[in-house]
């Protein structure tokens, strides 16, 4: 009986660890870059996997049940904009307010990049 309990406990811990590692793989990713009215913009989708960022289109994210996870950031630093890649993981801190458009828009105050 103790052996069965121990095996169930080990299986539960392994399952928990596997679930946590999948959460750690999620983040905010650049899925599109554009220049609109001479303003560089990046489209960032929050809490997706790197695989989803590389394989799914912006229209997919705008039409799925989590369409509120898409955000447009205006990038003032043209060099940084040019260096950013679609599929790159970032954390963006917005400056000021968020414009109530669809998708919402804000000016990027700081963009933190992650190693690939």
Protein backbone atom coordinates (compact mmCIF):
# COMPACT_ATOMS: atom_id res chain seq x y z
CA UNK A 1 0.00 0.00 0.00
CA UNK A 2 2.82 2.39 0.85
CA UNK A 3 4.48 1.54 -2.44
CA UNK A 4 1.33 2.43 -4.39
CA UNK A 5 1.00 5.71 -2.48
CA UNK A 6 4.65 6.54 -3.20
CA UNK A 7 4.24 5.79 -6.93
CA UNK A 8 1.14 8.00 -7.12
CA UNK A 9 2.98 10.80 -5.33
CA UNK A 10 5.96 10.55 -7.71
CA UNK A 11 3.64 10.56 -10.74
CA UNK A 12 1.85 13.65 -9.39
CA UNK A 13 5.13 15.52 -8.82
CA UNK A 14 6.38 14.65 -12.30
CA UNK A 15 3.10 15.82 -13.83
CA UNK A 16 3.28 19.06 -11.88
CA UNK A 17 6.85 19.71 -12.98
CA UNK A 18 5.99 19.04 -16.60
CA UNK A 19 3.06 21.44 -16.41
CA UNK A 20 5.21 24.17 -14.84
CA UNK A 21 7.89 23.80 -17.50
CA UNK A 22 5.26 24.36 -20.20
CA UNK A 23 4.20 27.59 -18.47
CA UNK A 24 7.81 28.74 -18.35
CA UNK A 25 8.04 28.37 -22.14
CA UNK A 26 5.37 31.02 -22.63
CA UNK A 27 6.11 34.70 -23.02
CA UNK A 28 5.47 37.79 -25.12
CA UNK A 29 6.59 37.53 -28.74
CA UNK A 30 6.84 39.86 -31.73
CA UNK A 31 4.57 38.44 -34.44
CA UNK A 32 4.66 41.31 -36.95
CA UNK A 33 6.57 44.51 -37.73
CA UNK A 34 5.21 47.42 -39.78
CA UNK A 35 5.80 51.10 -40.39
CA UNK A 36 2.58 53.10 -40.28
CA UNK A 37 2.62 56.86 -41.01
CA UNK A 38 6.42 56.79 -40.67
CA UNK A 39 6.10 55.25 -37.17
CA UNK A 40 7.68 51.83 -36.59
CA UNK A 41 5.28 49.42 -34.89
CA UNK A 42 5.60 45.93 -33.49
CA UNK A 43 2.69 43.59 -32.88
CA UNK A 44 3.24 41.63 -29.68
CA UNK A 45 1.14 38.69 -28.52
CA UNK A 46 1.21 38.00 -24.79
CA UNK A 47 1.68 34.59 -23.19
CA UNK A 48 2.29 32.37 -26.20
CA UNK A 49 4.99 29.82 -26.98
CA UNK A 50 7.94 30.46 -29.27
CA UNK A 51 6.55 27.82 -31.63
CA UNK A 52 3.20 29.62 -31.87
CA UNK A 53 4.97 32.93 -32.51
CA UNK A 54 6.83 31.44 -35.46
CA UNK A 55 4.08 29.30 -36.95
CA UNK A 56 0.84 31.21 -36.46
CA UNK A 57 -0.20 34.39 -38.24
CA UNK A 58 -1.29 37.68 -36.74
CA UNK A 59 -4.80 37.10 -38.09
CA UNK A 60 -4.94 33.83 -36.12
CA UNK A 61 -4.22 35.68 -32.88
CA UNK A 62 -6.71 38.45 -33.71
CA UNK A 63 -9.54 35.99 -34.33
CA UNK A 64 -9.02 33.34 -31.63
CA UNK A 65 -10.61 33.43 -28.19
CA UNK A 66 -7.59 35.27 -26.71
CA UNK A 67 -7.63 38.11 -29.23
CA UNK A 68 -7.17 40.60 -26.38
CA UNK A 69 -3.60 39.35 -25.98
CA UNK A 70 -2.46 41.26 -29.10
CA UNK A 71 -0.90 44.70 -28.55
CA UNK A 72 0.64 47.21 -30.97
CA UNK A 73 3.65 49.11 -29.66
CA UNK A 74 5.02 52.21 -31.36
CA UNK A 75 8.82 52.07 -31.28
CA UNK A 76 10.67 55.41 -31.16
CA UNK A 77 14.13 53.85 -31.49
CA UNK A 78 14.48 53.10 -35.22
CA UNK A 79 17.70 51.10 -34.71
CA UNK A 80 16.05 48.87 -32.10
CA UNK A 81 13.05 48.42 -34.39
CA UNK A 82 15.36 47.33 -37.23
CA UNK A 83 17.16 44.87 -34.93
CA UNK A 84 13.99 43.23 -33.58
CA UNK A 85 12.95 40.05 -35.35
CA UNK A 86 9.55 38.48 -35.82
CA UNK A 87 9.43 35.52 -33.45
CA UNK A 88 11.67 37.21 -30.88
CA UNK A 89 10.68 37.12 -27.21
CA UNK A 90 10.35 40.54 -25.59
CA UNK A 91 8.93 42.32 -22.60
CA UNK A 92 7.60 45.78 -23.41
CA UNK A 93 6.92 48.50 -20.88
CA UNK A 94 4.54 51.12 -22.22
CA UNK A 95 4.90 54.87 -21.82
CA UNK A 96 1.83 56.85 -20.82
CA UNK A 97 -1.57 55.48 -21.66
CA UNK A 98 -2.95 52.69 -23.83
CA UNK A 99 -5.02 53.79 -26.80
CA UNK A 100 -8.42 52.12 -26.87
CA UNK A 101 -8.25 50.81 -30.40
CA UNK A 102 -8.41 47.26 -31.68
CA UNK A 103 -5.88 45.94 -31.07
CA UNK A 104 -4.86 48.31 -28.28
CA UNK A 105 -1.82 50.52 -28.94
CA UNK A 106 0.80 52.15 -26.77
CA UNK A 107 4.20 53.77 -27.09
CA UNK A 108 7.03 51.45 -26.03
CA UNK A 109 9.08 53.05 -23.27
CA UNK A 110 11.39 50.06 -22.80
CA UNK A 111 11.80 46.83 -24.75
CA UNK A 112 13.61 44.02 -22.98
CA UNK A 113 15.00 41.35 -25.30
CA UNK A 114 15.70 37.75 -24.32
CA UNK A 115 18.56 35.57 -25.52
CA UNK A 116 17.61 33.15 -28.26
